[in-house]
Amino acid sequence: MSLEVTGKLLVKYDTQQVSEKFKKREFVLELAEEINGNIYTNFAKMQLVQNKCDIIDRFKEGETVRVSFNIKGNKWERDGKVNYITNLDAWRVESATATPGNAGGGQAAPAYNNNNNQGGANFNAAPSFNQSPETIDDLPF
């Protein structure tokens, strides 16, 4: 399952060599969400692993970034007790102020924190358009 989130890069940690064959680098995103007129701030610690550890280097703390990630989880038993751990494994980081496919700048992405509609829903509706009668598919299957 691939997910995406946009937030402010708050902290970048150094790369950790966990074992001879595994290394990781953690970073923290500040995520702001408006619900019913109130802004709530959350902090998400994410990690980059193996050859992805260096992709965070080109971003500065305080910069708004868009992160694509997967949720990974592990289960282990110790002293008869079952424990679980969840990791947010980032696999792509890009500037949220550049248009997709144009990392050099350009048009700014919409703010992830704005909510101008009533009722607290935070989404962008798809643009509407009028179809011509020739393009309407009226087949029953």
N, C-alpha and C. Protein backbone atom coordinates (compact mmCIF):
# COMPACT_ATOMS: atom_id res chain seq x y z
N MET A 1 0.85 -1.16 0.00
CA MET A 1 0.00 0.00 0.00
C MET A 1 0.90 1.23 0.00
N SER A 2 0.68 2.11 -0.95
CA SER A 2 1.48 3.32 -1.05
C SER A 2 0.63 4.52 -0.65
N LEU A 3 1.18 5.36 0.21
CA LEU A 3 0.49 6.54 0.70
C LEU A 3 1.35 7.77 0.44
N GLU A 4 0.75 8.94 0.56
CA GLU A 4 1.47 10.18 0.35
C GLU A 4 1.01 11.21 1.38
N VAL A 5 1.95 12.01 1.85
CA VAL A 5 1.64 13.05 2.82
C VAL A 5 2.52 14.27 2.52
N THR A 6 1.98 15.44 2.81
CA THR A 6 2.73 16.68 2.63
C THR A 6 2.85 17.38 3.97
N GLY A 7 4.06 17.82 4.29
CA GLY A 7 4.27 18.50 5.56
C GLY A 7 5.61 19.21 5.58
N LYS A 8 5.88 19.85 6.70
CA LYS A 8 7.13 20.59 6.88
C LYS A 8 8.19 19.66 7.44
N LEU A 9 9.35 19.64 6.78
CA LEU A 9 10.48 18.83 7.25
C LEU A 9 11.01 19.49 8.52
N LEU A 10 10.84 18.84 9.64
CA LEU A 10 11.19 19.42 10.92
C LEU A 10 12.60 19.04 11.36
N VAL A 11 12.95 17.75 11.26
CA VAL A 11 14.24 17.26 11.73
C VAL A 11 14.74 16.19 10.76
N LYS A 12 16.05 16.23 10.47
CA LYS A 12 16.73 15.16 9.73
C LYS A 12 17.79 14.57 10.65
N TYR A 13 17.75 13.28 10.85
CA TYR A 13 18.74 12.61 11.68
C TYR A 13 19.84 12.01 10.80
N ASP A 14 20.96 11.67 11.42
CA ASP A 14 22.06 11.03 10.71
C ASP A 14 21.68 9.59 10.35
N THR A 15 22.33 9.06 9.34
CA THR A 15 22.13 7.67 8.94
C THR A 15 22.69 6.75 10.03
N GLN A 16 21.94 5.70 10.36
CA GLN A 16 22.35 4.72 11.36
C GLN A 16 22.63 3.39 10.66
N GLN A 17 23.79 2.83 10.92
CA GLN A 17 24.13 1.49 10.41
C GLN A 17 23.62 0.50 11.45
N VAL A 18 22.43 -0.05 11.25
CA VAL A 18 21.79 -0.92 12.23
C VAL A 18 22.49 -2.27 12.30
N SER A 19 22.84 -2.83 11.16
CA SER A 19 23.58 -4.08 11.10
C SER A 19 24.51 -4.01 9.89
N GLU A 20 25.25 -5.07 9.68
CA GLU A 20 26.18 -5.09 8.55
C GLU A 20 25.46 -4.90 7.22
N LYS A 21 24.22 -5.37 7.14
CA LYS A 21 23.48 -5.32 5.88
C LYS A 21 22.32 -4.33 5.87
N PHE A 22 22.12 -3.59 6.95
CA PHE A 22 20.95 -2.72 7.01
C PHE A 22 21.30 -1.36 7.59
N LYS A 23 20.88 -0.29 6.88
CA LYS A 23 21.03 1.07 7.40
C LYS A 23 19.74 1.82 7.19
N LYS A 24 19.52 2.81 8.05
CA LYS A 24 18.30 3.62 7.97
C LYS A 24 18.61 5.06 8.36
N ARG A 25 17.73 5.95 7.92
CA ARG A 25 17.84 7.36 8.28
C ARG A 25 16.44 7.86 8.58
N GLU A 26 16.26 8.42 9.76
CA GLU A 26 14.95 8.91 10.17
C GLU A 26 14.84 10.41 9.98
N PHE A 27 13.60 10.86 9.78
CA PHE A 27 13.30 12.28 9.71
C PHE A 27 11.88 12.49 10.22
N VAL A 28 11.57 13.74 10.59
CA VAL A 28 10.27 14.05 11.18
C VAL A 28 9.57 15.10 10.32
N LEU A 29 8.30 14.84 10.04
CA LEU A 29 7.45 15.81 9.35
C LEU A 29 6.45 16.40 10.33
N GLU A 30 6.22 17.69 10.21
CA GLU A 30 5.15 18.36 10.96
C GLU A 30 3.95 18.44 10.04
N LEU A 31 2.85 17.87 10.48
CA LEU A 31 1.63 17.81 9.67
C LEU A 31 0.55 18.64 10.34
N ALA A 32 -0.03 19.58 9.62
CA ALA A 32 -1.10 20.42 10.16
C ALA A 32 -2.39 20.10 9.43
N GLU A 33 -3.47 20.00 10.19
CA GLU A 33 -4.77 19.67 9.62
C GLU A 33 -5.82 20.56 10.27
N GLU A 34 -6.69 21.12 9.45
CA GLU A 34 -7.76 21.96 9.96
C GLU A 34 -9.04 21.13 10.06
N ILE A 35 -9.61 21.11 11.26
CA ILE A 35 -10.85 20.39 11.50
C ILE A 35 -11.80 21.33 12.23
N ASN A 36 -12.92 21.61 11.60
CA ASN A 36 -13.94 22.49 12.18
C ASN A 36 -13.37 23.81 12.66
N GLY A 37 -12.49 24.40 11.89
CA GLY A 37 -11.93 25.70 12.22
C GLY A 37 -10.74 25.67 13.17
N ASN A 38 -10.39 24.51 13.67
CA ASN A 38 -9.25 24.37 14.57
C ASN A 38 -8.11 23.68 13.83
N ILE A 39 -6.89 24.15 14.05
CA ILE A 39 -5.73 23.54 13.43
C ILE A 39 -5.07 22.60 14.43
N TYR A 40 -4.89 21.36 14.00
CA TYR A 40 -4.25 20.34 14.82
C TYR A 40 -2.92 19.98 14.19
N THR A 41 -1.88 19.91 15.00
CA THR A 41 -0.55 19.59 14.52
C THR A 41 -0.16 18.20 15.00
N ASN A 42 0.35 17.41 14.06
CA ASN A 42 0.86 16.07 14.36
C ASN A 42 2.29 15.99 13.88
N PHE A 43 3.03 15.07 14.45
CA PHE A 43 4.43 14.86 14.07
C PHE A 43 4.59 13.40 13.69
N ALA A 44 5.12 13.15 12.49
CA ALA A 44 5.31 11.79 12.00
C ALA A 44 6.79 11.53 11.78
N LYS A 45 7.32 10.52 12.50
CA LYS A 45 8.70 10.11 12.27
C LYS A 45 8.67 9.06 11.17
N MET A 46 9.44 9.29 10.12
CA MET A 46 9.50 8.38 8.98
C MET A 46 10.94 7.91 8.83
N GLN A 47 11.13 6.90 8.01
CA GLN A 47 12.48 6.43 7.80
C GLN A 47 12.74 6.14 6.32
N LEU A 48 13.99 6.33 5.95
CA LEU A 48 14.51 5.94 4.64
C LEU A 48 15.45 4.78 4.91
N VAL A 49 15.48 3.79 4.03
CA VAL A 49 16.34 2.63 4.26
C VAL A 49 17.25 2.38 3.06
N GLN A 50 18.37 1.74 3.37
CA GLN A 50 19.36 1.29 2.40
C GLN A 50 19.80 2.42 1.46
N ASN A 51 19.66 2.25 0.16
CA ASN A 51 20.15 3.24 -0.80
C ASN A 51 19.29 4.48 -0.88
N LYS A 52 18.20 4.55 -0.14
CA LYS A 52 17.32 5.74 -0.13
C LYS A 52 17.73 6.75 0.94
N CYS A 53 18.68 6.41 1.80
CA CYS A 53 19.03 7.27 2.94
C CYS A 53 19.47 8.68 2.53
N ASP A 54 20.06 8.82 1.37
CA ASP A 54 20.60 10.12 0.97
C ASP A 54 19.60 11.04 0.28
N ILE A 55 18.40 10.57 -0.05
CA ILE A 55 17.48 11.43 -0.82
C ILE A 55 16.97 12.62 -0.01
N ILE A 56 17.09 12.57 1.29
CA ILE A 56 16.63 13.69 2.13
C ILE A 56 17.66 14.82 2.18
N ASP A 57 18.89 14.54 1.74
CA ASP A 57 19.97 15.54 1.81
C ASP A 57 19.67 16.81 1.03
N ARG A 58 18.94 16.73 -0.05
CA ARG A 58 18.71 17.92 -0.88
C ARG A 58 17.63 18.86 -0.34
N PHE A 59 17.03 18.49 0.79
CA PHE A 59 16.00 19.32 1.40
C PHE A 59 16.49 19.90 2.72
N LYS A 60 16.04 21.11 3.01
CA LYS A 60 16.43 21.79 4.24
C LYS A 60 15.32 21.66 5.27
N GLU A 61 15.72 21.65 6.53
CA GLU A 61 14.73 21.67 7.60
C GLU A 61 13.91 22.94 7.47
N GLY A 62 12.60 22.83 7.62
CA GLY A 62 11.69 23.95 7.45
C GLY A 62 11.03 23.97 6.08
N GLU A 63 11.54 23.20 5.13
CA GLU A 63 10.99 23.15 3.78
C GLU A 63 9.76 22.24 3.75
N THR A 64 8.77 22.59 2.93
CA THR A 64 7.59 21.76 2.77
C THR A 64 7.86 20.71 1.70
N VAL A 65 7.64 19.44 2.07
CA VAL A 65 7.94 18.32 1.17
C VAL A 65 6.73 17.39 1.06
N ARG A 66 6.71 16.66 -0.04
CA ARG A 66 5.70 15.64 -0.28
C ARG A 66 6.43 14.30 -0.21
N VAL A 67 5.96 13.39 0.64
CA VAL A 67 6.64 12.12 0.88
C VAL A 67 5.71 10.97 0.49
N SER A 68 6.20 10.09 -0.36
CA SER A 68 5.51 8.84 -0.68
C SER A 68 6.10 7.77 0.22
N PHE A 69 5.23 6.96 0.82
CA PHE A 69 5.71 5.98 1.79
C PHE A 69 4.81 4.76 1.85
N ASN A 70 5.32 3.72 2.46
CA ASN A 70 4.58 2.49 2.73
C ASN A 70 4.56 2.27 4.24
N ILE A 71 3.52 1.63 4.71
CA ILE A 71 3.44 1.25 6.12
C ILE A 71 3.96 -0.18 6.23
N LYS A 72 4.94 -0.36 7.09
CA LYS A 72 5.52 -1.69 7.32
C LYS A 72 5.38 -2.01 8.80
N GLY A 73 5.08 -3.24 9.11
CA GLY A 73 4.93 -3.64 10.50
C GLY A 73 5.58 -4.97 10.79
N ASN A 74 6.05 -5.14 12.00
CA ASN A 74 6.67 -6.38 12.44
C ASN A 74 6.06 -6.82 13.76
N LYS A 75 6.09 -8.12 13.99
CA LYS A 75 5.60 -8.71 15.22
C LYS A 75 6.72 -9.59 15.79
N TRP A 76 6.93 -9.52 17.09
CA TRP A 76 7.91 -10.39 17.73
C TRP A 76 7.47 -10.69 19.15
N GLU A 77 7.96 -11.83 19.65
CA GLU A 77 7.64 -12.25 21.01
C GLU A 77 8.89 -12.22 21.87
N ARG A 78 8.71 -11.73 23.09
CA ARG A 78 9.81 -11.69 24.04
C ARG A 78 9.24 -11.92 25.43
N ASP A 79 9.79 -12.87 26.12
CA ASP A 79 9.33 -13.23 27.47
C ASP A 79 7.83 -13.53 27.49
N GLY A 80 7.34 -14.19 26.43
CA GLY A 80 5.93 -14.55 26.37
C GLY A 80 4.99 -13.43 26.00
N LYS A 81 5.52 -12.26 25.77
CA LYS A 81 4.68 -11.11 25.42
C LYS A 81 4.87 -10.79 23.93
N VAL A 82 3.75 -10.56 23.23
CA VAL A 82 3.79 -10.21 21.81
C VAL A 82 3.92 -8.70 21.68
N ASN A 83 4.86 -8.26 20.86
CA ASN A 83 5.08 -6.84 20.61
C ASN A 83 4.93 -6.55 19.12
N TYR A 84 4.54 -5.31 18.81
CA TYR A 84 4.38 -4.89 17.42
C TYR A 84 5.11 -3.57 17.22
N ILE A 85 5.64 -3.37 16.03
CA ILE A 85 6.26 -2.11 15.69
C ILE A 85 5.79 -1.74 14.28
N THR A 86 5.55 -0.46 14.07
CA THR A 86 5.11 0.05 12.78
C THR A 86 6.11 1.08 12.30
N ASN A 87 6.52 0.96 11.04
CA ASN A 87 7.43 1.93 10.43
C ASN A 87 6.76 2.58 9.23
N LEU A 88 7.02 3.85 9.04
CA LEU A 88 6.59 4.57 7.85
C LEU A 88 7.81 4.66 6.95
N ASP A 89 7.89 3.78 5.97
CA ASP A 89 9.06 3.67 5.09
C ASP A 89 8.90 4.57 3.87
N ALA A 90 9.61 5.68 3.87
CA ALA A 90 9.56 6.62 2.75
C ALA A 90 10.38 6.06 1.60
N TRP A 91 9.89 6.26 0.38
CA TRP A 91 10.64 5.81 -0.79
C TRP A 91 10.79 6.91 -1.83
N ARG A 92 10.09 8.03 -1.63
CA ARG A 92 10.29 9.20 -2.49
C ARG A 92 10.01 10.45 -1.68
N VAL A 93 10.86 11.46 -1.84
CA VAL A 93 10.68 12.76 -1.21
C VAL A 93 10.87 13.80 -2.30
N GLU A 94 9.91 14.72 -2.41
CA GLU A 94 10.02 15.78 -3.42
C GLU A 94 9.51 17.08 -2.83
N SER A 95 9.92 18.17 -3.42
CA SER A 95 9.50 19.48 -2.96
C SER A 95 8.00 19.65 -3.22
N ALA A 96 7.29 20.16 -2.25
CA ALA A 96 5.86 20.40 -2.41
C ALA A 96 5.60 21.74 -3.08
N THR A 97 6.64 22.54 -3.29
CA THR A 97 6.46 23.84 -3.92
C THR A 97 6.75 23.79 -5.41
N ALA A 98 7.18 22.63 -5.92
CA ALA A 98 7.43 22.47 -7.35
C ALA A 98 6.34 21.60 -7.95
N THR A 99 6.06 21.80 -9.22
CA THR A 99 5.08 20.96 -9.89
C THR A 99 5.67 19.58 -10.08
N PRO A 100 4.84 18.52 -10.06
CA PRO A 100 5.36 17.17 -10.25
C PRO A 100 6.10 17.07 -11.58
N GLY A 101 7.25 16.43 -11.56
CA GLY A 101 8.05 16.29 -12.76
C GLY A 101 8.90 17.50 -13.07
N ASN A 102 8.82 18.54 -12.22
CA ASN A 102 9.60 19.75 -12.44
C ASN A 102 10.16 20.18 -11.10
N ALA A 103 11.19 19.50 -10.64
CA ALA A 103 11.75 19.76 -9.32
C ALA A 103 12.46 21.09 -9.24
N GLY A 104 12.64 21.76 -10.36
CA GLY A 104 13.36 23.01 -10.37
C GLY A 104 12.53 24.21 -9.97
N GLY A 105 11.29 24.03 -9.67
CA GLY A 105 10.46 25.16 -9.26
C GLY A 105 9.18 25.18 -10.06
N GLY A 106 8.65 26.35 -10.29
CA GLY A 106 7.43 26.47 -11.07
C GLY A 106 6.26 26.79 -10.18
N GLN A 107 5.10 26.34 -10.59
CA GLN A 107 3.86 26.64 -9.90
C GLN A 107 3.83 25.98 -8.53
N ALA A 108 3.38 26.71 -7.53
CA ALA A 108 3.31 26.17 -6.18
C ALA A 108 2.16 25.19 -6.05
N ALA A 109 2.37 24.14 -5.29
CA ALA A 109 1.31 23.17 -5.01
C ALA A 109 0.32 23.79 -4.04
N PRO A 110 -0.93 23.36 -4.05
CA PRO A 110 -1.91 23.90 -3.11
C PRO A 110 -1.49 23.59 -1.68
N ALA A 111 -1.79 24.52 -0.78
CA ALA A 111 -1.41 24.34 0.62
C ALA A 111 -2.18 23.16 1.21
N TYR A 112 -1.49 22.28 1.91
CA TYR A 112 -2.12 21.11 2.48
C TYR A 112 -2.98 21.45 3.67
N ASN A 113 -2.86 22.66 4.16
CA ASN A 113 -3.47 23.05 5.40
C ASN A 113 -4.72 23.90 5.19
N ASN A 114 -5.04 24.28 3.96
CA ASN A 114 -6.18 25.16 3.71
C ASN A 114 -7.47 24.36 3.61
N ASN A 115 -8.54 24.94 4.16
CA ASN A 115 -9.85 24.31 4.09
C ASN A 115 -10.88 25.42 4.05
N ASN A 116 -11.35 25.72 2.86
CA ASN A 116 -12.28 26.83 2.71
C ASN A 116 -13.73 26.38 2.68
N ASN A 117 -14.00 25.09 2.75
CA ASN A 117 -15.38 24.63 2.71
C ASN A 117 -15.93 24.47 4.13
N GLN A 118 -17.23 24.33 4.21
CA GLN A 118 -17.89 24.19 5.51
C GLN A 118 -17.96 22.71 5.88
N GLY A 119 -18.05 22.42 7.15
CA GLY A 119 -18.25 21.06 7.61
C GLY A 119 -16.98 20.30 7.92
N GLY A 120 -15.82 20.88 7.70
CA GLY A 120 -14.58 20.25 8.12
C GLY A 120 -13.97 19.27 7.15
N ALA A 121 -14.63 18.97 6.03
CA ALA A 121 -14.02 18.04 5.07
C ALA A 121 -12.83 18.71 4.42
N ASN A 122 -11.76 17.96 4.23
CA ASN A 122 -10.54 18.53 3.69
C ASN A 122 -10.16 17.77 2.43
N PHE A 123 -10.74 18.18 1.28
CA PHE A 123 -10.43 17.52 0.03
C PHE A 123 -10.58 18.51 -1.10
N ASN A 124 -9.99 18.17 -2.22
CA ASN A 124 -10.14 18.96 -3.43
C ASN A 124 -10.99 18.16 -4.40
N ALA A 125 -12.13 18.73 -4.81
CA ALA A 125 -13.01 18.04 -5.73
C ALA A 125 -12.39 18.03 -7.12
N ALA A 126 -12.71 17.00 -7.88
CA ALA A 126 -12.23 16.92 -9.26
C ALA A 126 -12.88 18.02 -10.08
N PRO A 127 -12.17 18.59 -11.03
CA PRO A 127 -12.76 19.64 -11.85
C PRO A 127 -13.92 19.08 -12.66
N SER A 128 -14.96 19.87 -12.82
CA SER A 128 -16.10 19.42 -13.62
C SER A 128 -15.94 19.92 -15.04
N PHE A 129 -16.54 19.21 -15.98
CA PHE A 129 -16.49 19.62 -17.37
C PHE A 129 -17.74 19.09 -18.06
N ASN A 130 -18.09 19.70 -19.17
CA ASN A 130 -19.24 19.28 -19.95
C ASN A 130 -18.78 18.37 -21.07
N GLN A 131 -19.35 17.19 -21.14
CA GLN A 131 -19.02 16.27 -22.21
C GLN A 131 -19.90 16.54 -23.41
N SER A 132 -19.36 16.34 -24.59
CA SER A 132 -20.17 16.45 -25.79
C SER A 132 -20.98 15.17 -25.93
N PRO A 133 -22.14 15.21 -26.61
CA PRO A 133 -22.96 14.00 -26.75
C PRO A 133 -22.20 12.85 -27.42
N GLU A 134 -21.22 13.15 -28.26
CA GLU A 134 -20.48 12.09 -28.95
C GLU A 134 -19.57 11.31 -27.99
N THR A 135 -19.16 11.91 -26.89
CA THR A 135 -18.22 11.23 -25.99
C THR A 135 -18.91 10.50 -24.85
N ILE A 136 -20.21 10.62 -24.71
CA ILE A 136 -20.92 9.94 -23.64
C ILE A 136 -21.10 8.47 -24.00
N ASP A 137 -20.66 7.61 -23.12
CA ASP A 137 -20.76 6.16 -23.35
C ASP A 137 -22.06 5.69 -22.74
N ASP A 138 -23.02 5.30 -23.61
CA ASP A 138 -24.33 4.87 -23.10
C ASP A 138 -24.51 3.37 -23.20
N LEU A 139 -23.41 2.61 -23.35
CA LEU A 139 -23.51 1.16 -23.39
C LEU A 139 -23.81 0.63 -22.00
N PRO A 140 -24.63 -0.40 -21.89
CA PRO A 140 -25.00 -0.92 -20.56
C PRO A 140 -23.93 -1.78 -19.91
N PHE A 141 -22.78 -1.98 -20.54
CA PHE A 141 -21.74 -2.82 -19.95
C PHE A 141 -20.38 -2.19 -20.13
